[in-house]
């Protein structure tokens, strides 16, 4: 072993260069991934919004299934037609009662005039 000394200055230069490259690479990675994080957050917001629309659509579909159908409206129309016919019959049957009431009222007026 002679009087040779260990010279690490070239190694230090390489370590510094690698450190600088690593720092630059991390800075670029952070810039790129920050946009990705923002996009991921926006995608999560949109997913929640779409889920809300899906829930509302499911409620509307359920309400439509439980609502009256065309057959129900047709049955209702038939019943209303029958009811209208029954009311017309009742009106015809009450006309004599109306005439009696009018005659009684006229008789009461005549009796009031006679006194």
PDB file of N, CA and C in Angstrom:
ATOM      1  N   UNK A   1       0.842  -1.146   0.000  1.00  0.00           N
ATOM      2  CA  UNK A   1       0.000   0.000   0.000  1.00  0.00           C
ATOM      3  C   UNK A   1       0.889   1.211   0.000  1.00  0.00           C
ATOM      4  N   UNK A   2       0.655   1.895  -0.982  1.00  0.00           N
ATOM      5  CA  UNK A   2       1.482   3.064  -1.145  1.00  0.00           C
ATOM      6  C   UNK A   2       0.804   4.287  -0.588  1.00  0.00           C
ATOM      7  N   UNK A   3       1.250   5.366  -0.979  1.00  0.00           N
ATOM      8  CA  UNK A   3       0.711   6.606  -0.473  1.00  0.00           C
ATOM      9  C   UNK A   3      -0.416   7.131  -1.334  1.00  0.00           C
ATOM     10  N   UNK A   4      -1.110   6.234  -1.916  1.00  0.00           N
ATOM     11  CA  UNK A   4      -2.223   6.687  -2.743  1.00  0.00           C
ATOM     12  C   UNK A   4      -3.383   7.087  -1.849  1.00  0.00           C
ATOM     13  N   UNK A   5      -4.052   8.147  -2.236  1.00  0.00           N
ATOM     14  CA  UNK A   5      -5.227   8.595  -1.495  1.00  0.00           C
ATOM     15  C   UNK A   5      -6.460   8.290  -2.316  1.00  0.00           C
ATOM     16  N   UNK A   6      -7.516   8.087  -1.613  1.00  0.00           N
ATOM     17  CA  UNK A   6      -8.781   7.789  -2.277  1.00  0.00           C
ATOM     18  C   UNK A   6      -9.419   9.099  -2.682  1.00  0.00           C
ATOM     19  N   UNK A   7      -9.688   9.278  -3.956  1.00  0.00           N
ATOM     20  CA  UNK A   7     -10.283  10.510  -4.474  1.00  0.00           C
ATOM     21  C   UNK A   7     -11.756  10.210  -4.779  1.00  0.00           C
ATOM     22  N   UNK A   8     -12.666  10.771  -3.989  1.00  0.00           N
ATOM     23  CA  UNK A   8     -14.100  10.534  -4.190  1.00  0.00           C
ATOM     24  C   UNK A   8     -14.794  11.714  -4.862  1.00  0.00           C
ATOM     25  N   UNK A   9     -14.066  12.687  -5.293  1.00  0.00           N
ATOM     26  CA  UNK A   9     -14.696  13.852  -5.917  1.00  0.00           C
ATOM     27  C   UNK A   9     -15.472  13.488  -7.179  1.00  0.00           C
ATOM     28  N   UNK A  10     -15.041  12.572  -8.055  1.00  0.00           N
ATOM     29  CA  UNK A  10     -15.889  12.219  -9.189  1.00  0.00           C
ATOM     30  C   UNK A  10     -17.188  11.536  -8.734  1.00  0.00           C
ATOM     31  N   UNK A  11     -17.104  10.743  -7.675  1.00  0.00           N
ATOM     32  CA  UNK A  11     -18.291  10.088  -7.151  1.00  0.00           C
ATOM     33  C   UNK A  11     -19.272  11.104  -6.585  1.00  0.00           C
ATOM     34  N   UNK A  12     -18.759  12.110  -5.903  1.00  0.00           N
ATOM     35  CA  UNK A  12     -19.610  13.166  -5.347  1.00  0.00           C
ATOM     36  C   UNK A  12     -20.305  13.913  -6.481  1.00  0.00           C
ATOM     37  N   UNK A  13     -19.596  14.168  -7.552  1.00  0.00           N
ATOM     38  CA  UNK A  13     -20.190  14.869  -8.691  1.00  0.00           C
ATOM     39  C   UNK A  13     -21.340  14.042  -9.274  1.00  0.00           C
ATOM     40  N   UNK A  14     -21.143  12.722  -9.387  1.00  0.00           N
ATOM     41  CA  UNK A  14     -22.213  11.866  -9.896  1.00  0.00           C
ATOM     42  C   UNK A  14     -23.410  11.814  -8.938  1.00  0.00           C
ATOM     43  N   UNK A  15     -23.172  11.763  -7.653  1.00  0.00           N
ATOM     44  CA  UNK A  15     -24.258  11.738  -6.669  1.00  0.00           C
ATOM     45  C   UNK A  15     -25.051  13.039  -6.739  1.00  0.00           C
ATOM     46  N   UNK A  16     -24.358  14.168  -6.856  1.00  0.00           N
ATOM     47  CA  UNK A  16     -25.048  15.461  -6.959  1.00  0.00           C
ATOM     48  C   UNK A  16     -25.876  15.511  -8.241  1.00  0.00           C
ATOM     49  N   UNK A  17     -25.326  15.030  -9.335  1.00  0.00           N
ATOM     50  CA  UNK A  17     -26.055  15.038 -10.607  1.00  0.00           C
ATOM     51  C   UNK A  17     -27.303  14.152 -10.511  1.00  0.00           C
ATOM     52  N   UNK A  18     -27.153  12.961  -9.921  1.00  0.00           N
ATOM     53  CA  UNK A  18     -28.313  12.079  -9.764  1.00  0.00           C
ATOM     54  C   UNK A  18     -29.361  12.698  -8.847  1.00  0.00           C
ATOM     55  N   UNK A  19     -28.929  13.377  -7.788  1.00  0.00           N
ATOM     56  CA  UNK A  19     -29.861  14.032  -6.878  1.00  0.00           C
ATOM     57  C   UNK A  19     -30.631  15.127  -7.603  1.00  0.00           C
ATOM     58  N   UNK A  20     -29.944  15.903  -8.423  1.00  0.00           N
ATOM     59  CA  UNK A  20     -30.604  16.963  -9.185  1.00  0.00           C
ATOM     60  C   UNK A  20     -31.608  16.376 -10.176  1.00  0.00           C
ATOM     61  N   UNK A  21     -31.211  15.299 -10.844  1.00  0.00           N
ATOM     62  CA  UNK A  21     -32.134  14.657 -11.784  1.00  0.00           C
ATOM     63  C   UNK A  21     -33.350  14.083 -11.062  1.00  0.00           C
ATOM     64  N   UNK A  22     -33.127  13.481  -9.900  1.00  0.00           N
ATOM     65  CA  UNK A  22     -34.231  12.940  -9.121  1.00  0.00           C
ATOM     66  C   UNK A  22     -35.165  14.052  -8.656  1.00  0.00           C
ATOM     67  N   UNK A  23     -34.621  15.168  -8.220  1.00  0.00           N
ATOM     68  CA  UNK A  23     -35.436  16.309  -7.791  1.00  0.00           C
ATOM     69  C   UNK A  23     -36.255  16.845  -8.962  1.00  0.00           C
ATOM     70  N   UNK A  24     -35.612  16.977 -10.120  1.00  0.00           N
ATOM     71  CA  UNK A  24     -36.328  17.455 -11.298  1.00  0.00           C
ATOM     72  C   UNK A  24     -37.436  16.469 -11.692  1.00  0.00           C
ATOM     73  N   UNK A  25     -37.136  15.184 -11.664  1.00  0.00           N
ATOM     74  CA  UNK A  25     -38.135  14.169 -11.999  1.00  0.00           C
ATOM     75  C   UNK A  25     -39.317  14.198 -11.042  1.00  0.00           C
ATOM     76  N   UNK A  26     -39.058  14.357  -9.752  1.00  0.00           N
ATOM     77  CA  UNK A  26     -40.143  14.438  -8.774  1.00  0.00           C
ATOM     78  C   UNK A  26     -40.989  15.692  -8.981  1.00  0.00           C
ATOM     79  N   UNK A  27     -40.349  16.808  -9.331  1.00  0.00           N
ATOM     80  CA  UNK A  27     -41.099  18.037  -9.590  1.00  0.00           C
ATOM     81  C   UNK A  27     -42.028  17.849 -10.790  1.00  0.00           C
ATOM     82  N   UNK A  28     -41.514  17.234 -11.843  1.00  0.00           N
ATOM     83  CA  UNK A  28     -42.339  16.977 -13.028  1.00  0.00           C
ATOM     84  C   UNK A  28     -43.474  16.017 -12.671  1.00  0.00           C
ATOM     85  N   UNK A  29     -43.170  14.976 -11.907  1.00  0.00           N
ATOM     86  CA  UNK A  29     -44.201  14.014 -11.492  1.00  0.00           C
ATOM     87  C   UNK A  29     -45.302  14.698 -10.690  1.00  0.00           C
ATOM     88  N   UNK A  30     -44.935  15.581  -9.777  1.00  0.00           N
ATOM     89  CA  UNK A  30     -45.937  16.294  -8.981  1.00  0.00           C
ATOM     90  C   UNK A  30     -46.810  17.187  -9.857  1.00  0.00           C
ATOM     91  N   UNK A  31     -46.210  17.845 -10.836  1.00  0.00           N
ATOM     92  CA  UNK A  31     -47.004  18.679 -11.742  1.00  0.00           C
ATOM     93  C   UNK A  31     -47.992  17.831 -12.539  1.00  0.00           C
ATOM     94  N   UNK A  32     -47.523  16.706 -13.030  1.00  0.00           N
ATOM     95  CA  UNK A  32     -48.383  15.843 -13.836  1.00  0.00           C
ATOM     96  C   UNK A  32     -49.467  15.203 -12.975  1.00  0.00           C
ATOM     97  N   UNK A  33     -49.107  14.721 -11.811  1.00  0.00           N
ATOM     98  CA  UNK A  33     -50.088  14.015 -10.985  1.00  0.00           C
ATOM     99  C   UNK A  33     -51.066  14.961 -10.306  1.00  0.00           C
ATOM    100  N   UNK A  34     -50.722  16.234 -10.144  1.00  0.00           N
ATOM    101  CA  UNK A  34     -51.680  17.162  -9.528  1.00  0.00           C
ATOM    102  C   UNK A  34     -52.892  17.344 -10.435  1.00  0.00           C
ATOM    103  N   UNK A  35     -52.684  17.374 -11.737  1.00  0.00           N
ATOM    104  CA  UNK A  35     -53.803  17.438 -12.667  1.00  0.00           C
ATOM    105  C   UNK A  35     -54.630  16.166 -12.618  1.00  0.00           C
ATOM    106  N   UNK A  36     -53.971  15.059 -12.457  1.00  0.00           N
ATOM    107  CA  UNK A  36     -54.661  13.780 -12.360  1.00  0.00           C
ATOM    108  C   UNK A  36     -55.528  13.730 -11.114  1.00  0.00           C
ATOM    109  N   UNK A  37     -55.008  14.255 -10.017  1.00  0.00           N
ATOM    110  CA  UNK A  37     -55.790  14.274  -8.775  1.00  0.00           C
ATOM    111  C   UNK A  37     -57.022  15.157  -8.928  1.00  0.00           C
ATOM    112  N   UNK A  38     -56.842  16.310  -9.571  1.00  0.00           N
ATOM    113  CA  UNK A  38     -57.987  17.198  -9.784  1.00  0.00           C
ATOM    114  C   UNK A  38     -59.017  16.522 -10.690  1.00  0.00           C
ATOM    115  N   UNK A  39     -58.527  15.849 -11.722  1.00  0.00           N
ATOM    116  CA  UNK A  39     -59.451  15.142 -12.616  1.00  0.00           C
ATOM    117  C   UNK A  39     -60.148  13.995 -11.895  1.00  0.00           C
ATOM    118  N   UNK A  40     -59.417  13.299 -11.031  1.00  0.00           N
ATOM    119  CA  UNK A  40     -60.033  12.209 -10.273  1.00  0.00           C
ATOM    120  C   UNK A  40     -61.122  12.752  -9.354  1.00  0.00           C
ATOM    121  N   UNK A  41     -60.873  13.907  -8.742  1.00  0.00           N
ATOM    122  CA  UNK A  41     -61.877  14.513  -7.872  1.00  0.00           C
ATOM    123  C   UNK A  41     -63.110  14.905  -8.683  1.00  0.00           C
ATOM    124  N   UNK A  42     -62.893  15.491  -9.855  1.00  0.00           N
ATOM    125  CA  UNK A  42     -64.023  15.877 -10.704  1.00  0.00           C
ATOM    126  C   UNK A  42     -64.794  14.648 -11.181  1.00  0.00           C
ATOM    127  N   UNK A  43     -64.073  13.574 -11.503  1.00  0.00           N
ATOM    128  CA  UNK A  43     -64.747  12.344 -11.917  1.00  0.00           C
ATOM    129  C   UNK A  43     -65.582  11.773 -10.781  1.00  0.00           C
ATOM    130  N   UNK A  44     -65.068  11.852  -9.556  1.00  0.00           N
ATOM    131  CA  UNK A  44     -65.848  11.382  -8.403  1.00  0.00           C
ATOM    132  C   UNK A  44     -67.109  12.217  -8.229  1.00  0.00           C
ATOM    133  N   UNK A  45     -66.991  13.538  -8.416  1.00  0.00           N
ATOM    134  CA  UNK A  45     -68.169  14.410  -8.312  1.00  0.00           C
ATOM    135  C   UNK A  45     -69.197  14.053  -9.383  1.00  0.00           C
ATOM    136  N   UNK A  46     -68.713  13.827 -10.602  1.00  0.00           N
ATOM    137  CA  UNK A  46     -69.627  13.471 -11.694  1.00  0.00           C
ATOM    138  C   UNK A  46     -70.268  12.105 -11.450  1.00  0.00           C
ATOM    139  N   UNK A  47     -69.501  11.179 -10.891  1.00  0.00           N
ATOM    140  CA  UNK A  47     -70.059   9.859 -10.590  1.00  0.00           C
ATOM    141  C   UNK A  47     -71.175   9.980  -9.558  1.00  0.00           C
ATOM    142  N   UNK A  48     -70.969  10.832  -8.548  1.00  0.00           N
ATOM    143  CA  UNK A  48     -72.018  11.038  -7.538  1.00  0.00           C
ATOM    144  C   UNK A  48     -73.249  11.678  -8.175  1.00  0.00           C
ATOM    145  N   UNK A  49     -73.028  12.627  -9.079  1.00  0.00           N
ATOM    146  CA  UNK A  49     -74.144  13.285  -9.760  1.00  0.00           C
ATOM    147  C   UNK A  49     -74.924  12.279 -10.614  1.00  0.00           C
ATOM    148  N   UNK A  50     -74.213  11.444 -11.335  1.00  0.00           N
ATOM    149  CA  UNK A  50     -74.870  10.435 -12.170  1.00  0.00           C
ATOM    150  C   UNK A  50     -75.624   9.437 -11.296  1.00  0.00           C
ATOM    151  N   UNK A  51     -75.045   9.073 -10.154  1.00  0.00           N
ATOM    152  CA  UNK A  51     -75.736   8.162  -9.233  1.00  0.00           C
ATOM    153  C   UNK A  51     -77.036   8.797  -8.745  1.00  0.00           C
ATOM    154  N   UNK A  52     -76.998  10.104  -8.448  1.00  0.00           N
ATOM    155  CA  UNK A  52     -78.215  10.808  -8.032  1.00  0.00           C
ATOM    156  C   UNK A  52     -79.271  10.789  -9.121  1.00  0.00           C
ATOM    157  N   UNK A  53     -78.840  10.989 -10.371  1.00  0.00           N
ATOM    158  CA  UNK A  53     -79.791  10.933 -11.490  1.00  0.00           C
ATOM    159  C   UNK A  53     -80.361   9.522 -11.638  1.00  0.00           C
ATOM    160  N   UNK A  54     -79.520   8.521 -11.437  1.00  0.00           N
ATOM    161  CA  UNK A  54     -79.998   7.141 -11.514  1.00  0.00           C
ATOM    162  C   UNK A  54     -81.048   6.854 -10.456  1.00  0.00           C
ATOM    163  N   UNK A  55     -80.816   7.365  -9.244  1.00  0.00           N
ATOM    164  CA  UNK A  55     -81.798   7.167  -8.169  1.00  0.00           C
ATOM    165  C   UNK A  55     -83.117   7.848  -8.508  1.00  0.00           C
ATOM    166  N   UNK A  56     -83.035   9.088  -9.022  1.00  0.00           N
ATOM    167  CA  UNK A  56     -84.257   9.812  -9.390  1.00  0.00           C
ATOM    168  C   UNK A  56     -85.003   9.076 -10.502  1.00  0.00           C
ATOM    169  N   UNK A  57     -84.263   8.564 -11.476  1.00  0.00           N
ATOM    170  CA  UNK A  57     -84.883   7.829 -12.576  1.00  0.00           C
ATOM    171  C   UNK A  57     -85.563   6.560 -12.063  1.00  0.00           C
ATOM    172  N   UNK A  58     -84.931   5.878 -11.116  1.00  0.00           N
ATOM    173  CA  UNK A  58     -85.542   4.668 -10.545  1.00  0.00           C
ATOM    174  C   UNK A  58     -86.842   5.017  -9.830  1.00  0.00           C
ATOM    175  N   UNK A  59     -86.864   6.144  -9.110  1.00  0.00           N
ATOM    176  CA  UNK A  59     -88.092   6.565  -8.434  1.00  0.00           C
ATOM    177  C   UNK A  59     -89.196   6.877  -9.439  1.00  0.00           C
ATOM    178  N   UNK A  60     -88.841   7.556 -10.525  1.00  0.00           N
ATOM    179  CA  UNK A  60     -89.835   7.875 -11.550  1.00  0.00           C
ATOM    180  C   UNK A  60     -90.375   6.605 -12.210  1.00  0.00           C
ATOM    181  N   UNK A  61     -89.495   5.654 -12.478  1.00  0.00           N
ATOM    182  CA  UNK A  61     -89.952   4.402 -13.086  1.00  0.00           C
ATOM    183  C   UNK A  61     -90.886   3.655 -12.147  1.00  0.00           C
ATOM    184  N   UNK A  62     -90.564   3.656 -10.853  1.00  0.00           N
ATOM    185  CA  UNK A  62     -91.424   2.972  -9.890  1.00  0.00           C
ATOM    186  C   UNK A  62     -92.779   3.671  -9.804  1.00  0.00           C
ATOM    187  N   UNK A  63     -92.775   5.004  -9.805  1.00  0.00           N
ATOM    188  CA  UNK A  63     -94.037   5.743  -9.746  1.00  0.00           C
ATOM    189  C   UNK A  63     -94.873   5.468 -10.995  1.00  0.00           C
ATOM    190  N   UNK A  64     -94.218   5.354 -12.137  1.00  0.00           N
ATOM    191  CA  UNK A  64     -94.943   5.083 -13.377  1.00  0.00           C
ATOM    192  C   UNK A  64     -95.561   3.690 -13.346  1.00  0.00           C
ATOM    193  N   UNK A  65     -94.835   2.721 -12.793  1.00  0.00           N
ATOM    194  CA  UNK A  65     -95.370   1.358 -12.714  1.00  0.00           C
ATOM    195  C   UNK A  65     -96.553   1.285 -11.762  1.00  0.00           C
ATOM    196  N   UNK A  66     -96.503   2.053 -10.682  1.00  0.00           N
ATOM    197  CA  UNK A  66     -97.569   2.006  -9.685  1.00  0.00           C
ATOM    198  C   UNK A  66     -98.744   2.898 -10.053  1.00  0.00           C
ATOM    199  N   UNK A  67     -98.575   3.780 -11.014  1.00  0.00           N
ATOM    200  CA  UNK A  67     -99.639   4.701 -11.403  1.00  0.00           C
ATOM    201  C   UNK A  67    -100.723   4.002 -12.199  1.00  0.00           C
ATOM    202  N   UNK A  68    -101.812   4.723 -12.471  1.00  0.00           N
ATOM    203  CA  UNK A  68    -102.914   4.115 -13.224  1.00  0.00           C
ATOM    204  C   UNK A  68    -102.508   3.823 -14.669  1.00  0.00           C
ATOM    205  N   UNK A  69    -103.049   2.734 -15.177  1.00  0.00           N
ATOM    206  CA  UNK A  69    -102.769   2.343 -16.555  1.00  0.00           C
ATOM    207  C   UNK A  69    -103.905   2.818 -17.456  1.00  0.00           C
ATOM    208  N   UNK A  70    -103.752   2.572 -18.742  1.00  0.00           N
ATOM    209  CA  UNK A  70    -104.788   2.953 -19.695  1.00  0.00           C
ATOM    210  C   UNK A  70    -106.075   2.176 -19.410  1.00  0.00           C
ATOM    211  N   UNK A  71    -105.943   0.924 -18.990  1.00  0.00           N
ATOM    212  CA  UNK A  71    -107.117   0.121 -18.644  1.00  0.00           C
ATOM    213  C   UNK A  71    -107.831   0.721 -17.436  1.00  0.00           C
ATOM    214  N   UNK A  72    -107.061   1.196 -16.457  1.00  0.00           N
ATOM    215  CA  UNK A  72    -107.676   1.823 -15.282  1.00  0.00           C
ATOM    216  C   UNK A  72    -108.484   3.053 -15.686  1.00  0.00           C
ATOM    217  N   UNK A  73    -107.921   3.864 -16.576  1.00  0.00           N
ATOM    218  CA  UNK A  73    -108.650   5.049 -17.033  1.00  0.00           C
ATOM    219  C   UNK A  73    -109.899   4.657 -17.822  1.00  0.00           C
ATOM    220  N   UNK A  74    -109.803   3.597 -18.610  1.00  0.00           N
ATOM    221  CA  UNK A  74    -110.967   3.129 -19.371  1.00  0.00           C
ATOM    222  C   UNK A  74    -112.069   2.652 -18.421  1.00  0.00           C
ATOM    223  N   UNK A  75    -111.680   1.886 -17.391  1.00  0.00           N
ATOM    224  CA  UNK A  75    -112.665   1.432 -16.399  1.00  0.00           C
ATOM    225  C   UNK A  75    -113.311   2.619 -15.692  1.00  0.00           C
ATOM    226  N   UNK A  76    -112.500   3.614 -15.368  1.00  0.00           N
ATOM    227  CA  UNK A  76    -113.032   4.817 -14.717  1.00  0.00           C
ATOM    228  C   UNK A  76    -114.021   5.536 -15.634  1.00  0.00           C
ATOM    229  N   UNK A  77    -113.694   5.606 -16.916  1.00  0.00           N
ATOM    230  CA  UNK A  77    -114.594   6.244 -17.876  1.00  0.00           C
ATOM    231  C   UNK A  77    -115.927   5.489 -17.959  1.00  0.00           C
ATOM    232  N   UNK A  78    -115.867   4.162 -17.979  1.00  0.00           N
ATOM    233  CA  UNK A  78    -117.106   3.368 -18.020  1.00  0.00           C
ATOM    234  C   UNK A  78    -117.953   3.601 -16.770  1.00  0.00           C
ATOM    235  N   UNK A  79    -117.316   3.620 -15.621  1.00  0.00           N
ATOM    236  CA  UNK A  79    -118.062   3.842 -14.376  1.00  0.00           C
ATOM    237  C   UNK A  79    -118.695   5.231 -14.346  1.00  0.00           C
ATOM    238  N   UNK A  80    -117.962   6.227 -14.846  1.00  0.00           N
ATOM    239  CA  UNK A  80    -118.523   7.582 -14.871  1.00  0.00           C
ATOM    240  C   UNK A  80    -119.702   7.657 -15.830  1.00  0.00           C
ATOM    241  N   UNK A  81    -119.627   6.929 -16.941  1.00  0.00           N
ATOM    242  CA  UNK A  81    -120.747   6.901 -17.884  1.00  0.00           C
ATOM    243  C   UNK A  81    -121.974   6.268 -17.237  1.00  0.00           C
ATOM    244  N   UNK A  82    -121.766   5.164 -16.497  1.00  0.00           N
ATOM    245  CA  UNK A  82    -122.889   4.529 -15.790  1.00  0.00           C
ATOM    246  C   UNK A  82    -123.460   5.470 -14.736  1.00  0.00           C
ATOM    247  N   UNK A  83    -122.580   6.171 -14.046  1.00  0.00           N
ATOM    248  CA  UNK A  83    -123.029   7.112 -13.021  1.00  0.00           C
ATOM    249  C   UNK A  83    -123.831   8.250 -13.645  1.00  0.00           C
ATOM    250  N   UNK A  84    -123.391   8.721 -14.804  1.00  0.00           N
ATOM    251  CA  UNK A  84    -124.126   9.781 -15.498  1.00  0.00           C
ATOM    252  C   UNK A  84    -125.523   9.291 -15.882  1.00  0.00           C
ATOM    253  N   UNK A  85    -125.629   8.061 -16.368  1.00  0.00           N
ATOM    254  CA  UNK A  85    -126.941   7.500 -16.714  1.00  0.00           C
ATOM    255  C   UNK A  85    -127.833   7.382 -15.490  1.00  0.00           C
ATOM    256  N   UNK A  86    -127.265   6.935 -14.366  1.00  0.00           N
ATOM    257  CA  UNK A  86    -128.053   6.806 -13.139  1.00  0.00           C
ATOM    258  C   UNK A  86    -128.529   8.171 -12.660  1.00  0.00           C
ATOM    259  N   UNK A  87    -127.690   9.191 -12.785  1.00  0.00           N
ATOM    260  CA  UNK A  87    -128.104  10.540 -12.378  1.00  0.00           C
ATOM    261  C   UNK A  87    -129.214  11.072 -13.274  1.00  0.00           C
ATOM    262  N   UNK A  88    -129.139  10.784 -14.563  1.00  0.00           N
ATOM    263  CA  UNK A  88    -130.205  11.235 -15.461  1.00  0.00           C
ATOM    264  C   UNK A  88    -131.533  10.568 -15.105  1.00  0.00           C
ATOM    265  N   UNK A  89    -131.501   9.279 -14.750  1.00  0.00           N
ATOM    266  CA  UNK A  89    -132.718   8.581 -14.320  1.00  0.00           C
ATOM    267  C   UNK A  89    -133.248   9.213 -13.042  1.00  0.00           C
ATOM    268  N   UNK A  90    -132.356   9.514 -12.100  1.00  0.00           N
ATOM    269  CA  UNK A  90    -132.782  10.113 -10.838  1.00  0.00           C
ATOM    270  C   UNK A  90    -133.398  11.490 -11.064  1.00  0.00           C
ATOM    271  N   UNK A  91    -132.826  12.255 -11.989  1.00  0.00           N
ATOM    272  CA  UNK A  91    -133.381  13.580 -12.293  1.00  0.00           C
ATOM    273  C   UNK A  91    -134.800  13.438 -12.835  1.00  0.00           C
ATOM    274  N   UNK A  92    -135.002  12.472 -13.722  1.00  0.00           N
ATOM    275  CA  UNK A  92    -136.347  12.252 -14.279  1.00  0.00           C
ATOM    276  C   UNK A  92    -137.333  11.834 -13.194  1.00  0.00           C
ATOM    277  N   UNK A  93    -136.902  11.014 -12.258  1.00  0.00           N
ATOM    278  CA  UNK A  93    -137.792  10.553 -11.197  1.00  0.00           C
ATOM    279  C   UNK A  93    -138.072  11.646 -10.176  1.00  0.00           C
ATOM    280  N   UNK A  94    -137.203  12.623 -10.060  1.00  0.00           N
ATOM    281  CA  UNK A  94    -137.416  13.707  -9.093  1.00  0.00           C
ATOM    282  C   UNK A  94    -138.245  14.858  -9.666  1.00  0.00           C
ATOM    283  N   UNK A  95    -138.513  14.854 -10.961  1.00  0.00           N
ATOM    284  CA  UNK A  95    -139.325  15.932 -11.546  1.00  0.00           C
ATOM    285  C   UNK A  95    -140.726  15.988 -10.944  1.00  0.00           C
ATOM    286  N   UNK A  96    -141.409  14.864 -10.712  1.00  0.00           N
ATOM    287  CA  UNK A  96    -142.720  14.957 -10.051  1.00  0.00           C
ATOM    288  C   UNK A  96    -142.604  15.523  -8.628  1.00  0.00           C
ATOM    289  N   UNK A  97    -141.545  15.172  -7.924  1.00  0.00           N
ATOM    290  CA  UNK A  97    -141.350  15.713  -6.571  1.00  0.00           C
ATOM    291  C   UNK A  97    -141.137  17.220  -6.653  1.00  0.00           C
ATOM    292  N   UNK A  98    -140.418  17.664  -7.674  1.00  0.00           N
ATOM    293  CA  UNK A  98    -140.203  19.099  -7.866  1.00  0.00           C
ATOM    294  C   UNK A  98    -141.537  19.800  -8.142  1.00  0.00           C
ATOM    295  N   UNK A  99    -142.364  19.175  -8.972  1.00  0.00           N
ATOM    296  CA  UNK A  99    -143.670  19.774  -9.284  1.00  0.00           C
ATOM    297  C   UNK A  99    -144.534  19.861  -8.030  1.00  0.00           C
ATOM    298  N   UNK A 100    -144.499  18.827  -7.180  1.00  0.00           N
ATOM    299  CA  UNK A 100    -145.264  18.862  -5.924  1.00  0.00           C
ATOM    300  C   UNK A 100    -144.760  19.990  -5.043  1.00  0.00           C
ATOM    301  N   UNK A 101    -143.446  20.149  -4.961  1.00  0.00           N
ATOM    302  CA  UNK A 101    -142.877  21.206  -4.123  1.00  0.00           C
ATOM    303  C   UNK A 101    -143.285  22.577  -4.641  1.00  0.00           C
ATOM    304  N   UNK A 102    -143.312  22.747  -5.954  1.00  0.00           N
ATOM    305  CA  UNK A 102    -143.729  24.034  -6.524  1.00  0.00           C
ATOM    306  C   UNK A 102    -145.196  24.301  -6.202  1.00  0.00           C
ATOM    307  N   UNK A 103    -146.052  23.284  -6.351  1.00  0.00           N
ATOM    308  CA  UNK A 103    -147.478  23.470  -6.047  1.00  0.00           C
ATOM    309  C   UNK A 103    -147.689  23.788  -4.569  1.00  0.00           C
ATOM    310  N   UNK A 104    -146.955  23.098  -3.681  1.00  0.00           N
ATOM    311  CA  UNK A 104    -147.084  23.385  -2.246  1.00  0.00           C
ATOM    312  C   UNK A 104    -146.637  24.812  -1.922  1.00  0.00           C
ATOM    313  N   UNK A 105    -145.593  25.247  -2.585  1.00  0.00           N
ATOM    314  CA  UNK A 105    -145.113  26.614  -2.357  1.00  0.00           C
ATOM    315  C   UNK A 105    -146.146  27.623  -2.854  1.00  0.00           C
ATOM    316  N   UNK A 106    -146.725  27.365  -4.019  1.00  0.00           N
ATOM    317  CA  UNK A 106    -147.753  28.273  -4.540  1.00  0.00           C
ATOM    318  C   UNK A 106    -148.978  28.285  -3.623  1.00  0.00           C
ATOM    319  N   UNK A 107    -149.340  27.115  -3.098  1.00  0.00           N
ATOM    320  CA  UNK A 107    -150.489  27.049  -2.179  1.00  0.00           C
ATOM    321  C   UNK A 107    -150.197  27.830  -0.908  1.00  0.00           C
ATOM    322  N   UNK A 108    -148.975  27.732  -0.416  1.00  0.00           N
ATOM    323  CA  UNK A 108    -148.616  28.472   0.795  1.00  0.00           C
ATOM    324  C   UNK A 108    -148.651  29.970   0.528  1.00  0.00           C
ATOM    325  N   UNK A 109    -148.245  30.378  -0.647  1.00  0.00           N
ATOM    326  CA  UNK A 109    -148.286  31.805  -0.996  1.00  0.00           C
ATOM    327  C   UNK A 109    -149.734  32.276  -1.085  1.00  0.00           C
ATOM    328  N   UNK A 110    -150.586  31.472  -1.704  1.00  0.00           N
ATOM    329  CA  UNK A 110    -152.007  31.818  -1.815  1.00  0.00           C
ATOM    330  C   UNK A 110    -152.657  31.920  -0.435  1.00  0.00           C
ATOM    331  N   UNK A 111    -152.328  30.997   0.453  1.00  0.00           N
ATOM    332  CA  UNK A 111    -152.887  31.057   1.809  1.00  0.00           C
ATOM    333  C   UNK A 111    -152.398  32.307   2.533  1.00  0.00           C
ATOM    334  N   UNK A 112    -151.158  32.672   2.284  1.00  0.00           N
ATOM    335  CA  UNK A 112    -150.630  33.884   2.918  1.00  0.00           C
ATOM    336  C   UNK A 112    -151.310  35.128   2.388  1.00  0.00           C
ATOM    337  N   UNK A 113    -151.698  35.148   1.142  1.00  0.00           N
ATOM    338  CA  UNK A 113    -152.384  36.300   0.565  1.00  0.00           C
ATOM    339  C   UNK A 113    -153.829  36.370   1.066  1.00  0.00           C
ATOM    340  N   UNK A 114    -154.413  35.206   1.252  1.00  0.00           N
ATOM    341  CA  UNK A 114    -155.818  35.170   1.680  1.00  0.00           C
ATOM    342  C   UNK A 114    -155.975  35.696   3.096  1.00  0.00           C
ATOM    343  N   UNK A 115    -155.019  35.629   3.911  1.00  0.00           N
ATOM    344  CA  UNK A 115    -155.153  36.085   5.295  1.00  0.00           C
ATOM    345  C   UNK A 115    -155.095  37.549   5.406  1.00  0.00           C
TER     346      UNK A 115
END
